[in-house]
Amino acid sequence: MAKIQLNVGDTVTFSKTISESDVYLFAGITGDFHPNHVNEAYRKDSVYGTRIVHGALGIGFVSAASSMALERQNLRAVSAGYDHIRFLKAILIGDTITVQYTIADKDEERMKTVVDIQIRNGKGEVCTVAKHIVKYFED
């Protein structure tokens, strides 16, 4: 039986500045044109004073970090889901986010890992947390 080559504590990071076009493209793909995301006047008097990025868009960038981690091992893998997703702080257009993707648990018998996810803004504040479950397969 093949072994998962990732180990508990292994971490990868992915960073990106979120642009207005990222938000509008995501809104177009998903159909989520809520004014929280696309109407500056609607958000002007809010606690943030501006539009906020879709939480699901932030989670989408976890895929980049996951792919980077999976390049480090020789098994095929698929996402088996996300648990405990929490949006702790809004991500704003123009924020440079960093996804920190850390192997938290490895189960060789069941061929899966559980990964701790943190998404931080450019100020280092944690905006999103989650757990990612990854299932591995031999060729």
C-alpha atoms as a PDB file:
ATOM      1  CA  MET A   1       0.000   0.000   0.000  1.00  0.00           C
ATOM      2  CA  ALA A   2       1.286   3.425  -0.954  1.00  0.00           C
ATOM      3  CA  LYS A   3       1.873   5.991   1.762  1.00  0.00           C
ATOM      4  CA  ILE A   4       0.801   9.586   1.957  1.00  0.00           C
ATOM      5  CA  GLN A   5       4.008  11.589   1.708  1.00  0.00           C
ATOM      6  CA  LEU A   6       2.607  14.660   3.451  1.00  0.00           C
ATOM      7  CA  ASN A   7       3.118  14.837   7.204  1.00  0.00           C
ATOM      8  CA  VAL A   8       1.342  16.521  10.094  1.00  0.00           C
ATOM      9  CA  GLY A   9       2.691  20.056  10.298  1.00  0.00           C
ATOM     10  CA  ASP A  10       3.552  20.378   6.602  1.00  0.00           C
ATOM     11  CA  THR A  11       2.364  23.803   5.436  1.00  0.00           C
ATOM     12  CA  VAL A  12       1.981  25.617   2.151  1.00  0.00           C
ATOM     13  CA  THR A  13       0.850  29.197   1.594  1.00  0.00           C
ATOM     14  CA  PHE A  14      -0.785  30.948  -1.326  1.00  0.00           C
ATOM     15  CA  SER A  15      -1.193  34.724  -1.578  1.00  0.00           C
ATOM     16  CA  LYS A  16      -3.237  36.890  -3.910  1.00  0.00           C
ATOM     17  CA  THR A  17      -4.533  40.434  -4.044  1.00  0.00           C
ATOM     18  CA  ILE A  18      -8.298  40.323  -4.549  1.00  0.00           C
ATOM     19  CA  SER A  19      -9.323  42.661  -7.348  1.00  0.00           C
ATOM     20  CA  GLU A  20     -12.674  44.124  -8.254  1.00  0.00           C
ATOM     21  CA  SER A  21     -12.658  41.994 -11.404  1.00  0.00           C
ATOM     22  CA  ASP A  22     -12.175  38.841  -9.277  1.00  0.00           C
ATOM     23  CA  VAL A  23     -15.364  39.713  -7.393  1.00  0.00           C
ATOM     24  CA  TYR A  24     -17.381  40.511 -10.523  1.00  0.00           C
ATOM     25  CA  LEU A  25     -16.206  37.400 -12.365  1.00  0.00           C
ATOM     26  CA  PHE A  26     -17.119  35.263  -9.346  1.00  0.00           C
ATOM     27  CA  ALA A  27     -20.516  36.975  -9.117  1.00  0.00           C
ATOM     28  CA  GLY A  28     -21.101  36.259 -12.792  1.00  0.00           C
ATOM     29  CA  ILE A  29     -20.132  32.605 -12.497  1.00  0.00           C
ATOM     30  CA  THR A  30     -22.225  31.973  -9.379  1.00  0.00           C
ATOM     31  CA  GLY A  31     -25.078  34.416  -9.984  1.00  0.00           C
ATOM     32  CA  ASP A  32     -24.493  35.986  -6.556  1.00  0.00           C
ATOM     33  CA  PHE A  33     -24.876  39.691  -7.266  1.00  0.00           C
ATOM     34  CA  HIS A  34     -25.883  40.595  -3.716  1.00  0.00           C
ATOM     35  CA  PRO A  35     -25.269  44.306  -3.098  1.00  0.00           C
ATOM     36  CA  ASN A  36     -22.838  43.390  -0.282  1.00  0.00           C
ATOM     37  CA  HIS A  37     -20.440  42.415  -3.067  1.00  0.00           C
ATOM     38  CA  VAL A  38     -21.281  44.644  -6.039  1.00  0.00           C
ATOM     39  CA  ASN A  39     -22.935  47.864  -4.818  1.00  0.00           C
ATOM     40  CA  GLU A  40     -20.556  50.380  -3.258  1.00  0.00           C
ATOM     41  CA  ALA A  41     -23.360  52.823  -2.345  1.00  0.00           C
ATOM     42  CA  TYR A  42     -25.258  50.053  -0.529  1.00  0.00           C
ATOM     43  CA  ARG A  43     -22.163  49.265   1.597  1.00  0.00           C
ATOM     44  CA  LYS A  44     -20.995  52.874   2.120  1.00  0.00           C
ATOM     45  CA  ASP A  45     -22.731  53.266   5.492  1.00  0.00           C
ATOM     46  CA  SER A  46     -21.928  49.735   6.705  1.00  0.00           C
ATOM     47  CA  VAL A  47     -19.436  48.763   9.388  1.00  0.00           C
ATOM     48  CA  TYR A  48     -16.855  48.119   6.625  1.00  0.00           C
ATOM     49  CA  GLY A  49     -17.709  51.195   4.543  1.00  0.00           C
ATOM     50  CA  THR A  50     -17.164  49.281   1.302  1.00  0.00           C
ATOM     51  CA  ARG A  51     -18.037  46.105  -0.558  1.00  0.00           C
ATOM     52  CA  ILE A  52     -16.945  42.745   0.828  1.00  0.00           C
ATOM     53  CA  VAL A  53     -15.609  39.744  -1.060  1.00  0.00           C
ATOM     54  CA  HIS A  54     -17.793  36.633  -1.282  1.00  0.00           C
ATOM     55  CA  GLY A  55     -16.778  34.202   1.465  1.00  0.00           C
ATOM     56  CA  ALA A  56     -16.967  31.357  -1.041  1.00  0.00           C
ATOM     57  CA  LEU A  57     -14.452  33.147  -3.263  1.00  0.00           C
ATOM     58  CA  GLY A  58     -11.988  33.175  -0.377  1.00  0.00           C
ATOM     59  CA  ILE A  59     -12.553  29.454   0.164  1.00  0.00           C
ATOM     60  CA  GLY A  60     -12.018  28.948  -3.559  1.00  0.00           C
ATOM     61  CA  PHE A  61      -8.414  30.075  -3.184  1.00  0.00           C
ATOM     62  CA  VAL A  62      -7.850  27.129  -0.843  1.00  0.00           C
ATOM     63  CA  SER A  63      -7.823  25.004  -4.012  1.00  0.00           C
ATOM     64  CA  ALA A  64      -4.593  26.688  -5.095  1.00  0.00           C
ATOM     65  CA  ALA A  65      -2.923  25.890  -1.770  1.00  0.00           C
ATOM     66  CA  SER A  66      -4.277  22.339  -1.858  1.00  0.00           C
ATOM     67  CA  SER A  67      -2.858  21.787  -5.339  1.00  0.00           C
ATOM     68  CA  MET A  68       0.515  23.095  -4.182  1.00  0.00           C
ATOM     69  CA  ALA A  69       0.500  20.633  -1.259  1.00  0.00           C
ATOM     70  CA  LEU A  70      -0.525  17.714  -3.451  1.00  0.00           C
ATOM     71  CA  GLU A  71       2.425  18.335  -5.774  1.00  0.00           C
ATOM     72  CA  ARG A  72       4.593  17.124  -2.862  1.00  0.00           C
ATOM     73  CA  GLN A  73       3.339  13.531  -2.937  1.00  0.00           C
ATOM     74  CA  ASN A  74       2.872  10.719  -5.436  1.00  0.00           C
ATOM     75  CA  LEU A  75      -0.769   9.729  -4.910  1.00  0.00           C
ATOM     76  CA  ARG A  76      -3.878  10.934  -6.654  1.00  0.00           C
ATOM     77  CA  ALA A  77      -6.213  12.868  -4.393  1.00  0.00           C
ATOM     78  CA  VAL A  78      -9.615  14.523  -4.354  1.00  0.00           C
ATOM     79  CA  SER A  79     -11.293  16.907  -1.976  1.00  0.00           C
ATOM     80  CA  ALA A  80     -13.768  15.077   0.243  1.00  0.00           C
ATOM     81  CA  GLY A  81     -15.184  18.344   1.573  1.00  0.00           C
ATOM     82  CA  TYR A  82     -14.793  21.219   3.969  1.00  0.00           C
ATOM     83  CA  ASP A  83     -15.926  21.313   7.596  1.00  0.00           C
ATOM     84  CA  HIS A  84     -16.331  24.088  10.138  1.00  0.00           C
ATOM     85  CA  ILE A  85     -16.016  26.981   7.677  1.00  0.00           C
ATOM     86  CA  ARG A  86     -16.212  30.248   9.576  1.00  0.00           C
ATOM     87  CA  PHE A  87     -16.024  33.785   8.200  1.00  0.00           C
ATOM     88  CA  LEU A  88     -14.511  35.682  11.117  1.00  0.00           C
ATOM     89  CA  LYS A  89     -13.691  38.941   9.373  1.00  0.00           C
ATOM     90  CA  ALA A  90     -14.625  40.327   5.969  1.00  0.00           C
ATOM     91  CA  ILE A  91     -12.183  40.223   3.082  1.00  0.00           C
ATOM     92  CA  LEU A  92     -12.289  43.520   1.199  1.00  0.00           C
ATOM     93  CA  ILE A  93     -11.604  44.278  -2.436  1.00  0.00           C
ATOM     94  CA  GLY A  94      -7.921  45.186  -2.627  1.00  0.00           C
ATOM     95  CA  ASP A  95      -6.914  42.984   0.318  1.00  0.00           C
ATOM     96  CA  THR A  96      -3.941  40.720  -0.238  1.00  0.00           C
ATOM     97  CA  ILE A  97      -4.945  37.437   1.334  1.00  0.00           C
ATOM     98  CA  THR A  98      -2.711  34.563   2.357  1.00  0.00           C
ATOM     99  CA  VAL A  99      -4.072  31.048   2.606  1.00  0.00           C
ATOM    100  CA  GLN A 100      -2.176  28.939   5.140  1.00  0.00           C
ATOM    101  CA  TYR A 101      -2.800  25.232   4.479  1.00  0.00           C
ATOM    102  CA  THR A 102      -1.416  22.952   7.232  1.00  0.00           C
ATOM    103  CA  ILE A 103      -1.727  19.173   7.500  1.00  0.00           C
ATOM    104  CA  ALA A 104      -3.391  18.613  10.907  1.00  0.00           C
ATOM    105  CA  ASP A 105      -4.097  14.872  10.806  1.00  0.00           C
ATOM    106  CA  LYS A 106      -3.033  11.969   8.615  1.00  0.00           C
ATOM    107  CA  ASP A 107      -4.855   8.622   8.515  1.00  0.00           C
ATOM    108  CA  GLU A 108      -2.865   6.108   6.448  1.00  0.00           C
ATOM    109  CA  GLU A 109      -5.419   3.329   6.960  1.00  0.00           C
ATOM    110  CA  ARG A 110      -8.298   5.409   5.587  1.00  0.00           C
ATOM    111  CA  MET A 111      -5.980   7.221   3.125  1.00  0.00           C
ATOM    112  CA  LYS A 112      -7.030  10.730   4.101  1.00  0.00           C
ATOM    113  CA  THR A 113      -5.718  13.902   5.632  1.00  0.00           C
ATOM    114  CA  VAL A 114      -7.448  16.688   7.505  1.00  0.00           C
ATOM    115  CA  VAL A 115      -6.020  20.125   6.848  1.00  0.00           C
ATOM    116  CA  ASP A 116      -6.325  23.289   8.934  1.00  0.00           C
ATOM    117  CA  ILE A 117      -7.029  26.351   6.821  1.00  0.00           C
ATOM    118  CA  GLN A 118      -6.529  29.976   7.761  1.00  0.00           C
ATOM    119  CA  ILE A 119      -7.047  32.885   5.399  1.00  0.00           C
ATOM    120  CA  ARG A 120      -5.453  36.127   6.589  1.00  0.00           C
ATOM    121  CA  ASN A 121      -5.715  39.610   5.169  1.00  0.00           C
ATOM    122  CA  GLY A 122      -2.728  41.885   4.555  1.00  0.00           C
ATOM    123  CA  LYS A 123      -2.839  43.075   8.169  1.00  0.00           C
ATOM    124  CA  GLY A 124      -2.352  39.485   9.350  1.00  0.00           C
ATOM    125  CA  GLU A 125      -5.901  39.238  10.701  1.00  0.00           C
ATOM    126  CA  VAL A 126      -7.591  35.849  10.405  1.00  0.00           C
ATOM    127  CA  CYS A 127     -10.611  36.257   8.123  1.00  0.00           C
ATOM    128  CA  THR A 128     -11.606  32.636   7.431  1.00  0.00           C
ATOM    129  CA  VAL A 129     -10.953  29.266   9.048  1.00  0.00           C
ATOM    130  CA  ALA A 130     -11.952  25.779   7.950  1.00  0.00           C
ATOM    131  CA  LYS A 131     -10.985  22.121   7.840  1.00  0.00           C
ATOM    132  CA  HIS A 132     -10.328  20.442   4.481  1.00  0.00           C
ATOM    133  CA  ILE A 133     -10.659  16.674   4.128  1.00  0.00           C
ATOM    134  CA  VAL A 134      -8.565  15.107   1.348  1.00  0.00           C
ATOM    135  CA  LYS A 135      -8.900  11.485   0.175  1.00  0.00           C
ATOM    136  CA  TYR A 136      -5.943   9.738  -1.528  1.00  0.00           C
ATOM    137  CA  PHE A 137      -5.871   6.900  -4.064  1.00  0.00           C
ATOM    138  CA  GLU A 138      -3.149   4.657  -5.419  1.00  0.00           C
ATOM    139  CA  ASP A 139      -2.517   4.735  -9.164  1.00  0.00           C
END
